[in-house]
Amino acid sequence: MKTFDLVEVETFSGEKVLREVVAVEGDTVYICTKEERLSAQKEAREPVCAGFNRRYVHPVTAGQSNHASVSNP
């Protein structure tokens, strides 16, 4: 995984959401929404993100990005 990769994340409640990778440090993957990343870039600031253990973060293939069961709140 690398910065800006689209990933599917298993949240603490068991929900699956699509997010972008902000950074990877060891076993922690920092993620945010695409909207937050674009807003942060426009405002010249670091994006507000959340860190998840790598085991809960999965790369998304082209076919998965439009998957109906994945929410993107």
PDB file of N, CA and C in Angstrom:
ATOM      1  N   MET A   1       0.839  -1.184   0.000  1.00  0.00           N
ATOM      2  CA  MET A   1       0.000   0.000   0.000  1.00  0.00           C
ATOM      3  C   MET A   1       0.879   1.240   0.000  1.00  0.00           C
ATOM      4  N   LYS A   2       0.375   2.243  -0.711  1.00  0.00           N
ATOM      5  CA  LYS A   2       1.115   3.495  -0.750  1.00  0.00           C
ATOM      6  C   LYS A   2       0.137   4.675  -0.721  1.00  0.00           C
ATOM      7  N   THR A   3       0.643   5.866  -0.529  1.00  0.00           N
ATOM      8  CA  THR A   3      -0.167   7.071  -0.450  1.00  0.00           C
ATOM      9  C   THR A   3      -1.108   7.178  -1.644  1.00  0.00           C
ATOM     10  N   PHE A   4      -2.346   7.541  -1.362  1.00  0.00           N
ATOM     11  CA  PHE A   4      -3.434   7.754  -2.319  1.00  0.00           C
ATOM     12  C   PHE A   4      -4.072   6.460  -2.822  1.00  0.00           C
ATOM     13  N   ASP A   5      -3.582   5.282  -2.426  1.00  0.00           N
ATOM     14  CA  ASP A   5      -4.236   4.034  -2.816  1.00  0.00           C
ATOM     15  C   ASP A   5      -5.647   4.004  -2.231  1.00  0.00           C
ATOM     16  N   LEU A   6      -6.582   3.465  -2.998  1.00  0.00           N
ATOM     17  CA  LEU A   6      -7.939   3.248  -2.506  1.00  0.00           C
ATOM     18  C   LEU A   6      -7.967   1.918  -1.774  1.00  0.00           C
ATOM     19  N   VAL A   7      -8.535   1.928  -0.568  1.00  0.00           N
ATOM     20  CA  VAL A   7      -8.573   0.716   0.251  1.00  0.00           C
ATOM     21  C   VAL A   7      -9.960   0.522   0.845  1.00  0.00           C
ATOM     22  N   GLU A   8     -10.258  -0.728   1.180  1.00  0.00           N
ATOM     23  CA  GLU A   8     -11.473  -1.065   1.913  1.00  0.00           C
ATOM     24  C   GLU A   8     -11.055  -1.301   3.354  1.00  0.00           C
ATOM     25  N   VAL A   9     -11.718  -0.620   4.280  1.00  0.00           N
ATOM     26  CA  VAL A   9     -11.347  -0.678   5.684  1.00  0.00           C
ATOM     27  C   VAL A   9     -12.486  -1.282   6.489  1.00  0.00           C
ATOM     28  N   GLU A  10     -12.155  -2.243   7.351  1.00  0.00           N
ATOM     29  CA  GLU A  10     -13.129  -2.797   8.287  1.00  0.00           C
ATOM     30  C   GLU A  10     -13.121  -1.902   9.518  1.00  0.00           C
ATOM     31  N   THR A  11     -14.241  -1.234   9.786  1.00  0.00           N
ATOM     32  CA  THR A  11     -14.317  -0.316  10.923  1.00  0.00           C
ATOM     33  C   THR A  11     -14.525  -1.089  12.217  1.00  0.00           C
ATOM     34  N   PHE A  12     -14.462  -0.376  13.327  1.00  0.00           N
ATOM     35  CA  PHE A  12     -14.624  -0.994  14.638  1.00  0.00           C
ATOM     36  C   PHE A  12     -15.998  -1.628  14.797  1.00  0.00           C
ATOM     37  N   SER A  13     -16.992  -1.122  14.073  1.00  0.00           N
ATOM     38  CA  SER A  13     -18.349  -1.671  14.155  1.00  0.00           C
ATOM     39  C   SER A  13     -18.588  -2.798  13.154  1.00  0.00           C
ATOM     40  N   GLY A  14     -17.559  -3.134  12.374  1.00  0.00           N
ATOM     41  CA  GLY A  14     -17.681  -4.217  11.406  1.00  0.00           C
ATOM     42  C   GLY A  14     -18.115  -3.764  10.023  1.00  0.00           C
ATOM     43  N   GLU A  15     -18.409  -2.494   9.865  1.00  0.00           N
ATOM     44  CA  GLU A  15     -18.790  -1.933   8.571  1.00  0.00           C
ATOM     45  C   GLU A  15     -17.554  -1.863   7.672  1.00  0.00           C
ATOM     46  N   LYS A  16     -17.753  -1.907   6.358  1.00  0.00           N
ATOM     47  CA  LYS A  16     -16.643  -1.754   5.416  1.00  0.00           C
ATOM     48  C   LYS A  16     -16.829  -0.453   4.660  1.00  0.00           C
ATOM     49  N   VAL A  17     -15.775   0.370   4.629  1.00  0.00           N
ATOM     50  CA  VAL A  17     -15.824   1.668   3.964  1.00  0.00           C
ATOM     51  C   VAL A  17     -14.629   1.819   3.024  1.00  0.00           C
ATOM     52  N   LEU A  18     -14.806   2.640   1.996  1.00  0.00           N
ATOM     53  CA  LEU A  18     -13.712   2.948   1.082  1.00  0.00           C
ATOM     54  C   LEU A  18     -13.026   4.226   1.542  1.00  0.00           C
ATOM     55  N   ARG A  19     -11.708   4.197   1.595  1.00  0.00           N
ATOM     56  CA  ARG A  19     -10.925   5.359   2.004  1.00  0.00           C
ATOM     57  C   ARG A  19      -9.635   5.402   1.193  1.00  0.00           C
ATOM     58  N   GLU A  20      -8.882   6.485   1.335  1.00  0.00           N
ATOM     59  CA  GLU A  20      -7.577   6.619   0.691  1.00  0.00           C
ATOM     60  C   GLU A  20      -6.476   6.534   1.736  1.00  0.00           C
ATOM     61  N   VAL A  21      -5.369   5.968   1.344  1.00  0.00           N
ATOM     62  CA  VAL A  21      -4.206   5.880   2.228  1.00  0.00           C
ATOM     63  C   VAL A  21      -3.520   7.239   2.290  1.00  0.00           C
ATOM     64  N   VAL A  22      -3.254   7.700   3.499  1.00  0.00           N
ATOM     65  CA  VAL A  22      -2.505   8.940   3.721  1.00  0.00           C
ATOM     66  C   VAL A  22      -1.033   8.593   3.960  1.00  0.00           C
ATOM     67  N   ALA A  23      -0.799   7.578   4.779  1.00  0.00           N
ATOM     68  CA  ALA A  23       0.569   7.160   5.106  1.00  0.00           C
ATOM     69  C   ALA A  23       0.533   5.761   5.696  1.00  0.00           C
ATOM     70  N   VAL A  24       1.676   5.091   5.627  1.00  0.00           N
ATOM     71  CA  VAL A  24       1.832   3.776   6.243  1.00  0.00           C
ATOM     72  C   VAL A  24       3.072   3.845   7.122  1.00  0.00           C
ATOM     73  N   GLU A  25       2.900   3.528   8.398  1.00  0.00           N
ATOM     74  CA  GLU A  25       4.013   3.522   9.348  1.00  0.00           C
ATOM     75  C   GLU A  25       3.970   2.202  10.106  1.00  0.00           C
ATOM     76  N   GLY A  26       4.865   1.302   9.760  1.00  0.00           N
ATOM     77  CA  GLY A  26       4.876  -0.017  10.388  1.00  0.00           C
ATOM     78  C   GLY A  26       3.592  -0.760  10.076  1.00  0.00           C
ATOM     79  N   ASP A  27       2.890  -1.212  11.110  1.00  0.00           N
ATOM     80  CA  ASP A  27       1.634  -1.932  10.930  1.00  0.00           C
ATOM     81  C   ASP A  27       0.417  -1.017  10.929  1.00  0.00           C
ATOM     82  N   THR A  28       0.628   0.289  10.973  1.00  0.00           N
ATOM     83  CA  THR A  28      -0.477   1.236  10.998  1.00  0.00           C
ATOM     84  C   THR A  28      -0.636   1.914   9.649  1.00  0.00           C
ATOM     85  N   VAL A  29      -1.882   1.892   9.146  1.00  0.00           N
ATOM     86  CA  VAL A  29      -2.215   2.566   7.890  1.00  0.00           C
ATOM     87  C   VAL A  29      -3.121   3.738   8.242  1.00  0.00           C
ATOM     88  N   TYR A  30      -2.700   4.942   7.865  1.00  0.00           N
ATOM     89  CA  TYR A  30      -3.489   6.142   8.123  1.00  0.00           C
ATOM     90  C   TYR A  30      -4.333   6.422   6.899  1.00  0.00           C
ATOM     91  N   ILE A  31      -5.642   6.635   7.127  1.00  0.00           N
ATOM     92  CA  ILE A  31      -6.583   6.786   6.026  1.00  0.00           C
ATOM     93  C   ILE A  31      -7.455   8.012   6.219  1.00  0.00           C
ATOM     94  N   CYS A  32      -8.058   8.478   5.109  1.00  0.00           N
ATOM     95  CA  CYS A  32      -9.054   9.547   5.146  1.00  0.00           C
ATOM     96  C   CYS A  32      -9.924   9.418   3.906  1.00  0.00           C
ATOM     97  N   THR A  33     -10.962  10.233   3.838  1.00  0.00           N
ATOM     98  CA  THR A  33     -11.810  10.253   2.654  1.00  0.00           C
ATOM     99  C   THR A  33     -11.099  11.030   1.551  1.00  0.00           C
ATOM    100  N   LYS A  34     -11.515  10.788   0.334  1.00  0.00           N
ATOM    101  CA  LYS A  34     -10.949  11.536  -0.796  1.00  0.00           C
ATOM    102  C   LYS A  34     -11.259  13.020  -0.635  1.00  0.00           C
ATOM    103  N   GLU A  35     -12.484  13.326  -0.171  1.00  0.00           N
ATOM    104  CA  GLU A  35     -12.882  14.720   0.016  1.00  0.00           C
ATOM    105  C   GLU A  35     -11.985  15.427   1.033  1.00  0.00           C
ATOM    106  N   GLU A  36     -11.652  14.740   2.130  1.00  0.00           N
ATOM    107  CA  GLU A  36     -10.766  15.333   3.135  1.00  0.00           C
ATOM    108  C   GLU A  36      -9.375  15.577   2.561  1.00  0.00           C
ATOM    109  N   ARG A  37      -8.867  14.612   1.789  1.00  0.00           N
ATOM    110  CA  ARG A  37      -7.534  14.781   1.191  1.00  0.00           C
ATOM    111  C   ARG A  37      -7.514  15.978   0.246  1.00  0.00           C
ATOM    112  N   LEU A  38      -8.537  16.107  -0.603  1.00  0.00           N
ATOM    113  CA  LEU A  38      -8.587  17.221  -1.550  1.00  0.00           C
ATOM    114  C   LEU A  38      -8.730  18.557  -0.824  1.00  0.00           C
ATOM    115  N   SER A  39      -9.545  18.592   0.227  1.00  0.00           N
ATOM    116  CA  SER A  39      -9.712  19.805   1.018  1.00  0.00           C
ATOM    117  C   SER A  39      -8.393  20.205   1.683  1.00  0.00           C
ATOM    118  N   ALA A  40      -7.703  19.224   2.243  1.00  0.00           N
ATOM    119  CA  ALA A  40      -6.419  19.496   2.904  1.00  0.00           C
ATOM    120  C   ALA A  40      -5.393  20.018   1.911  1.00  0.00           C
ATOM    121  N   GLN A  41      -5.358  19.436   0.717  1.00  0.00           N
ATOM    122  CA  GLN A  41      -4.418  19.907  -0.305  1.00  0.00           C
ATOM    123  C   GLN A  41      -4.724  21.363  -0.671  1.00  0.00           C
ATOM    124  N   LYS A  42      -6.010  21.656  -0.855  1.00  0.00           N
ATOM    125  CA  LYS A  42      -6.422  23.010  -1.230  1.00  0.00           C
ATOM    126  C   LYS A  42      -6.058  24.019  -0.148  1.00  0.00           C
ATOM    127  N   GLU A  43      -6.170  23.605   1.124  1.00  0.00           N
ATOM    128  CA  GLU A  43      -5.905  24.490   2.259  1.00  0.00           C
ATOM    129  C   GLU A  43      -4.468  24.413   2.758  1.00  0.00           C
ATOM    130  N   ALA A  44      -3.618  23.644   2.065  1.00  0.00           N
ATOM    131  CA  ALA A  44      -2.198  23.490   2.420  1.00  0.00           C
ATOM    132  C   ALA A  44      -2.019  23.044   3.875  1.00  0.00           C
ATOM    133  N   ARG A  45      -2.731  21.968   4.233  1.00  0.00           N
ATOM    134  CA  ARG A  45      -2.618  21.414   5.582  1.00  0.00           C
ATOM    135  C   ARG A  45      -2.585  19.896   5.486  1.00  0.00           C
ATOM    136  N   GLU A  46      -2.270  19.260   6.594  1.00  0.00           N
ATOM    137  CA  GLU A  46      -2.294  17.794   6.662  1.00  0.00           C
ATOM    138  C   GLU A  46      -3.751  17.340   6.771  1.00  0.00           C
ATOM    139  N   PRO A  47      -4.123  16.253   6.102  1.00  0.00           N
ATOM    140  CA  PRO A  47      -5.504  15.783   6.225  1.00  0.00           C
ATOM    141  C   PRO A  47      -5.781  15.186   7.603  1.00  0.00           C
ATOM    142  N   VAL A  48      -7.011  15.328   8.051  1.00  0.00           N
ATOM    143  CA  VAL A  48      -7.454  14.679   9.280  1.00  0.00           C
ATOM    144  C   VAL A  48      -7.667  13.218   8.922  1.00  0.00           C
ATOM    145  N   CYS A  49      -6.992  12.328   9.631  1.00  0.00           N
ATOM    146  CA  CYS A  49      -7.068  10.914   9.269  1.00  0.00           C
ATOM    147  C   CYS A  49      -7.167  10.036  10.512  1.00  0.00           C
ATOM    148  N   ALA A  50      -7.435   8.751  10.260  1.00  0.00           N
ATOM    149  CA  ALA A  50      -7.518   7.760  11.331  1.00  0.00           C
ATOM    150  C   ALA A  50      -6.524   6.655  11.025  1.00  0.00           C
ATOM    151  N   GLY A  51      -5.951   6.073  12.068  1.00  0.00           N
ATOM    152  CA  GLY A  51      -4.994   4.986  11.893  1.00  0.00           C
ATOM    153  C   GLY A  51      -5.641   3.640  12.190  1.00  0.00           C
ATOM    154  N   PHE A  52      -5.412   2.681  11.310  1.00  0.00           N
ATOM    155  CA  PHE A  52      -5.926   1.324  11.474  1.00  0.00           C
ATOM    156  C   PHE A  52      -4.788   0.337  11.342  1.00  0.00           C
ATOM    157  N   ASN A  53      -4.861  -0.748  12.081  1.00  0.00           N
ATOM    158  CA  ASN A  53      -3.887  -1.814  11.921  1.00  0.00           C
ATOM    159  C   ASN A  53      -4.024  -2.363  10.506  1.00  0.00           C
ATOM    160  N   ARG A  54      -2.900  -2.685   9.915  1.00  0.00           N
ATOM    161  CA  ARG A  54      -2.843  -3.146   8.530  1.00  0.00           C
ATOM    162  C   ARG A  54      -3.797  -4.319   8.268  1.00  0.00           C
ATOM    163  N   ARG A  55      -4.067  -5.155   9.268  1.00  0.00           N
ATOM    164  CA  ARG A  55      -4.917  -6.333   9.041  1.00  0.00           C
ATOM    165  C   ARG A  55      -6.360  -5.958   8.744  1.00  0.00           C
ATOM    166  N   TYR A  56      -6.762  -4.715   9.041  1.00  0.00           N
ATOM    167  CA  TYR A  56      -8.127  -4.273   8.767  1.00  0.00           C
ATOM    168  C   TYR A  56      -8.240  -3.444   7.483  1.00  0.00           C
ATOM    169  N   VAL A  57      -7.144  -3.300   6.770  1.00  0.00           N
ATOM    170  CA  VAL A  57      -7.099  -2.467   5.571  1.00  0.00           C
ATOM    171  C   VAL A  57      -6.731  -3.347   4.381  1.00  0.00           C
ATOM    172  N   HIS A  58      -7.583  -3.316   3.342  1.00  0.00           N
ATOM    173  CA  HIS A  58      -7.378  -4.197   2.198  1.00  0.00           C
ATOM    174  C   HIS A  58      -7.369  -3.395   0.901  1.00  0.00           C
ATOM    175  N   PRO A  59      -6.394  -3.646   0.027  1.00  0.00           N
ATOM    176  CA  PRO A  59      -6.360  -2.950  -1.269  1.00  0.00           C
ATOM    177  C   PRO A  59      -7.649  -3.215  -2.053  1.00  0.00           C
ATOM    178  N   VAL A  60      -8.057  -2.245  -2.836  1.00  0.00           N
ATOM    179  CA  VAL A  60      -9.258  -2.372  -3.656  1.00  0.00           C
ATOM    180  C   VAL A  60      -8.841  -2.579  -5.103  1.00  0.00           C
ATOM    181  N   THR A  61      -9.453  -3.568  -5.732  1.00  0.00           N
ATOM    182  CA  THR A  61      -9.225  -3.779  -7.160  1.00  0.00           C
ATOM    183  C   THR A  61     -10.239  -2.950  -7.937  1.00  0.00           C
ATOM    184  N   ALA A  62     -10.025  -2.773  -9.220  1.00  0.00           N
ATOM    185  CA  ALA A  62     -10.898  -1.941 -10.049  1.00  0.00           C
ATOM    186  C   ALA A  62     -12.358  -2.362  -9.949  1.00  0.00           C
ATOM    187  N   GLY A  63     -12.649  -3.651  -9.918  1.00  0.00           N
ATOM    188  CA  GLY A  63     -14.019  -4.132  -9.843  1.00  0.00           C
ATOM    189  C   GLY A  63     -14.680  -3.875  -8.504  1.00  0.00           C
ATOM    190  N   GLN A  64     -13.910  -3.761  -7.435  1.00  0.00           N
ATOM    191  CA  GLN A  64     -14.463  -3.557  -6.093  1.00  0.00           C
ATOM    192  C   GLN A  64     -14.867  -2.115  -5.834  1.00  0.00           C
ATOM    193  N   SER A  65     -14.284  -1.154  -6.522  1.00  0.00           N
ATOM    194  CA  SER A  65     -14.508   0.252  -6.189  1.00  0.00           C
ATOM    195  C   SER A  65     -15.962   0.681  -6.360  1.00  0.00           C
ATOM    196  N   ASN A  66     -16.762  -0.076  -7.118  1.00  0.00           N
ATOM    197  CA  ASN A  66     -18.180   0.252  -7.291  1.00  0.00           C
ATOM    198  C   ASN A  66     -19.072  -0.754  -6.578  1.00  0.00           C
ATOM    199  N   HIS A  67     -18.522  -1.535  -5.662  1.00  0.00           N
ATOM    200  CA  HIS A  67     -19.270  -2.587  -4.983  1.00  0.00           C
ATOM    201  C   HIS A  67     -20.360  -1.991  -4.108  1.00  0.00           C
ATOM    202  N   ALA A  68     -21.578  -2.478  -4.248  1.00  0.00           N
ATOM    203  CA  ALA A  68     -22.730  -1.901  -3.566  1.00  0.00           C
ATOM    204  C   ALA A  68     -22.685  -2.044  -2.051  1.00  0.00           C
ATOM    205  N   SER A  69     -22.063  -3.099  -1.522  1.00  0.00           N
ATOM    206  CA  SER A  69     -22.093  -3.304  -0.069  1.00  0.00           C
ATOM    207  C   SER A  69     -21.071  -2.473   0.689  1.00  0.00           C
ATOM    208  N   VAL A  70     -20.255  -1.764  -0.017  1.00  0.00           N
ATOM    209  CA  VAL A  70     -19.244  -0.938   0.628  1.00  0.00           C
ATOM    210  C   VAL A  70     -19.767   0.486   0.695  1.00  0.00           C
ATOM    211  N   SER A  71     -19.824   1.045   1.894  1.00  0.00           N
ATOM    212  CA  SER A  71     -20.314   2.414   2.036  1.00  0.00           C
ATOM    213  C   SER A  71     -19.179   3.398   2.016  1.00  0.00           C
ATOM    214  N   ASN A  72     -19.489   4.623   1.677  1.00  0.00           N
ATOM    215  CA  ASN A  72     -18.488   5.674   1.634  1.00  0.00           C
ATOM    216  C   ASN A  72     -19.108   6.938   2.232  1.00  0.00           C
ATOM    217  N   PRO A  73     -19.355   6.932   3.551  1.00  0.00           N
ATOM    218  CA  PRO A  73     -20.007   8.088   4.182  1.00  0.00           C
ATOM    219  C   PRO A  73     -19.140   9.327   4.176  1.00  0.00           C
TER     220      PRO A  73
END
